[in-house]
Amino acid sequence: MAEKSETTARITPEDARAAAKAWATPENLAMLDAMTDEAIAAQIAGDPEVAPELSDEWFESARLVIPLKGRKRAA
């Protein structure tokens, strides 16, 4: 399992929703809407802790896995 980053913080789902609602001002949403695909890709590439961008190729090779209930997971 990967080590937790020094910048990782644990918060409750309620706190996460409240933070998202507080961030979603008209100005912030307009800024986000104005971002180009290239700008988004550059931000993803510039931060090693961000998950990679999911491309069409990724989705084409992805497969759905539904876990069986009641089965113990391998450690």
C-alpha atoms as a PDB file:
ATOM      1  CA  MET A   1       0.000   0.000   0.000  1.00  0.00           C
ATOM      2  CA  ALA A   2       1.305   3.458  -0.850  1.00  0.00           C
ATOM      3  CA  GLU A   3       2.444   5.738   1.925  1.00  0.00           C
ATOM      4  CA  LYS A   4       0.201   8.663   2.807  1.00  0.00           C
ATOM      5  CA  SER A   5       1.559  11.985   1.605  1.00  0.00           C
ATOM      6  CA  GLU A   6       2.425  14.700   4.130  1.00  0.00           C
ATOM      7  CA  THR A   7      -0.225  16.851   2.456  1.00  0.00           C
ATOM      8  CA  THR A   8      -3.011  14.267   2.873  1.00  0.00           C
ATOM      9  CA  ALA A   9      -5.722  15.164   5.355  1.00  0.00           C
ATOM     10  CA  ARG A  10      -8.664  13.060   6.485  1.00  0.00           C
ATOM     11  CA  ILE A  11     -12.022  14.815   6.556  1.00  0.00           C
ATOM     12  CA  THR A  12     -15.604  13.672   6.890  1.00  0.00           C
ATOM     13  CA  PRO A  13     -17.854  13.389   3.832  1.00  0.00           C
ATOM     14  CA  GLU A  14     -19.933  16.247   5.232  1.00  0.00           C
ATOM     15  CA  ASP A  15     -16.857  18.490   5.481  1.00  0.00           C
ATOM     16  CA  ALA A  16     -15.862  17.541   1.918  1.00  0.00           C
ATOM     17  CA  ARG A  17     -19.318  18.478   0.616  1.00  0.00           C
ATOM     18  CA  ALA A  18     -19.245  21.779   2.504  1.00  0.00           C
ATOM     19  CA  ALA A  19     -15.775  22.613   1.132  1.00  0.00           C
ATOM     20  CA  ALA A  20     -16.883  21.790  -2.422  1.00  0.00           C
ATOM     21  CA  LYS A  21     -20.007  23.918  -2.042  1.00  0.00           C
ATOM     22  CA  ALA A  22     -17.961  26.831  -0.659  1.00  0.00           C
ATOM     23  CA  TRP A  23     -15.482  26.550  -3.565  1.00  0.00           C
ATOM     24  CA  ALA A  24     -18.183  26.428  -6.245  1.00  0.00           C
ATOM     25  CA  THR A  25     -18.602  30.186  -6.602  1.00  0.00           C
ATOM     26  CA  PRO A  26     -19.631  31.606  -9.982  1.00  0.00           C
ATOM     27  CA  GLU A  27     -16.088  32.964 -10.425  1.00  0.00           C
ATOM     28  CA  ASN A  28     -14.409  29.630  -9.714  1.00  0.00           C
ATOM     29  CA  LEU A  29     -16.844  27.722 -11.916  1.00  0.00           C
ATOM     30  CA  ALA A  30     -16.271  30.187 -14.775  1.00  0.00           C
ATOM     31  CA  MET A  31     -12.493  29.791 -14.372  1.00  0.00           C
ATOM     32  CA  LEU A  32     -12.843  26.009 -14.442  1.00  0.00           C
ATOM     33  CA  ASP A  33     -15.136  26.132 -17.478  1.00  0.00           C
ATOM     34  CA  ALA A  34     -12.651  28.345 -19.343  1.00  0.00           C
ATOM     35  CA  MET A  35      -9.753  25.885 -18.901  1.00  0.00           C
ATOM     36  CA  THR A  36      -8.596  24.212 -22.093  1.00  0.00           C
ATOM     37  CA  ASP A  37      -7.828  20.507 -22.396  1.00  0.00           C
ATOM     38  CA  GLU A  38      -4.170  21.450 -22.842  1.00  0.00           C
ATOM     39  CA  ALA A  39      -4.136  23.456 -19.594  1.00  0.00           C
ATOM     40  CA  ILE A  40      -5.740  20.561 -17.719  1.00  0.00           C
ATOM     41  CA  ALA A  41      -3.217  18.082 -19.164  1.00  0.00           C
ATOM     42  CA  ALA A  42      -0.345  20.403 -18.173  1.00  0.00           C
ATOM     43  CA  GLN A  43      -1.610  20.622 -14.593  1.00  0.00           C
ATOM     44  CA  ILE A  44      -1.946  16.829 -14.397  1.00  0.00           C
ATOM     45  CA  ALA A  45       1.559  16.337 -15.821  1.00  0.00           C
ATOM     46  CA  GLY A  46       3.010  18.894 -13.404  1.00  0.00           C
ATOM     47  CA  ASP A  47       1.803  17.216 -10.199  1.00  0.00           C
ATOM     48  CA  PRO A  48       3.203  13.749  -9.411  1.00  0.00           C
ATOM     49  CA  GLU A  49       0.499  13.080  -6.798  1.00  0.00           C
ATOM     50  CA  VAL A  50      -2.388  13.518  -9.223  1.00  0.00           C
ATOM     51  CA  ALA A  51      -3.987  10.495 -10.876  1.00  0.00           C
ATOM     52  CA  PRO A  52      -3.192  10.258 -14.579  1.00  0.00           C
ATOM     53  CA  GLU A  53      -5.578  11.644 -17.163  1.00  0.00           C
ATOM     54  CA  LEU A  54      -7.960   8.959 -18.376  1.00  0.00           C
ATOM     55  CA  SER A  55      -7.831   8.841 -22.151  1.00  0.00           C
ATOM     56  CA  ASP A  56     -10.159   7.249 -24.679  1.00  0.00           C
ATOM     57  CA  GLU A  57      -7.567   4.478 -25.057  1.00  0.00           C
ATOM     58  CA  TRP A  58      -7.724   3.798 -21.322  1.00  0.00           C
ATOM     59  CA  PHE A  59     -11.507   3.456 -21.412  1.00  0.00           C
ATOM     60  CA  GLU A  60     -11.319   1.189 -24.483  1.00  0.00           C
ATOM     61  CA  SER A  61      -9.084  -1.275 -22.616  1.00  0.00           C
ATOM     62  CA  ALA A  62     -10.785  -0.957 -19.208  1.00  0.00           C
ATOM     63  CA  ARG A  63     -12.980  -3.731 -17.913  1.00  0.00           C
ATOM     64  CA  LEU A  64     -15.673  -3.689 -15.262  1.00  0.00           C
ATOM     65  CA  VAL A  65     -14.960  -5.840 -12.221  1.00  0.00           C
ATOM     66  CA  ILE A  66     -17.796  -6.418  -9.773  1.00  0.00           C
ATOM     67  CA  PRO A  67     -16.597  -7.963  -6.495  1.00  0.00           C
ATOM     68  CA  LEU A  68     -18.475 -10.968  -5.168  1.00  0.00           C
ATOM     69  CA  LYS A  69     -20.248 -10.357  -1.865  1.00  0.00           C
ATOM     70  CA  GLY A  70     -19.099 -12.326   1.121  1.00  0.00           C
ATOM     71  CA  ARG A  71     -15.709 -13.257  -0.313  1.00  0.00           C
ATOM     72  CA  LYS A  72     -12.590 -12.413   1.640  1.00  0.00           C
ATOM     73  CA  ARG A  73     -10.139 -10.256  -0.281  1.00  0.00           C
ATOM     74  CA  ALA A  74      -6.559 -11.380  -0.684  1.00  0.00           C
ATOM     75  CA  ALA A  75      -4.148  -9.245   1.313  1.00  0.00           C
END
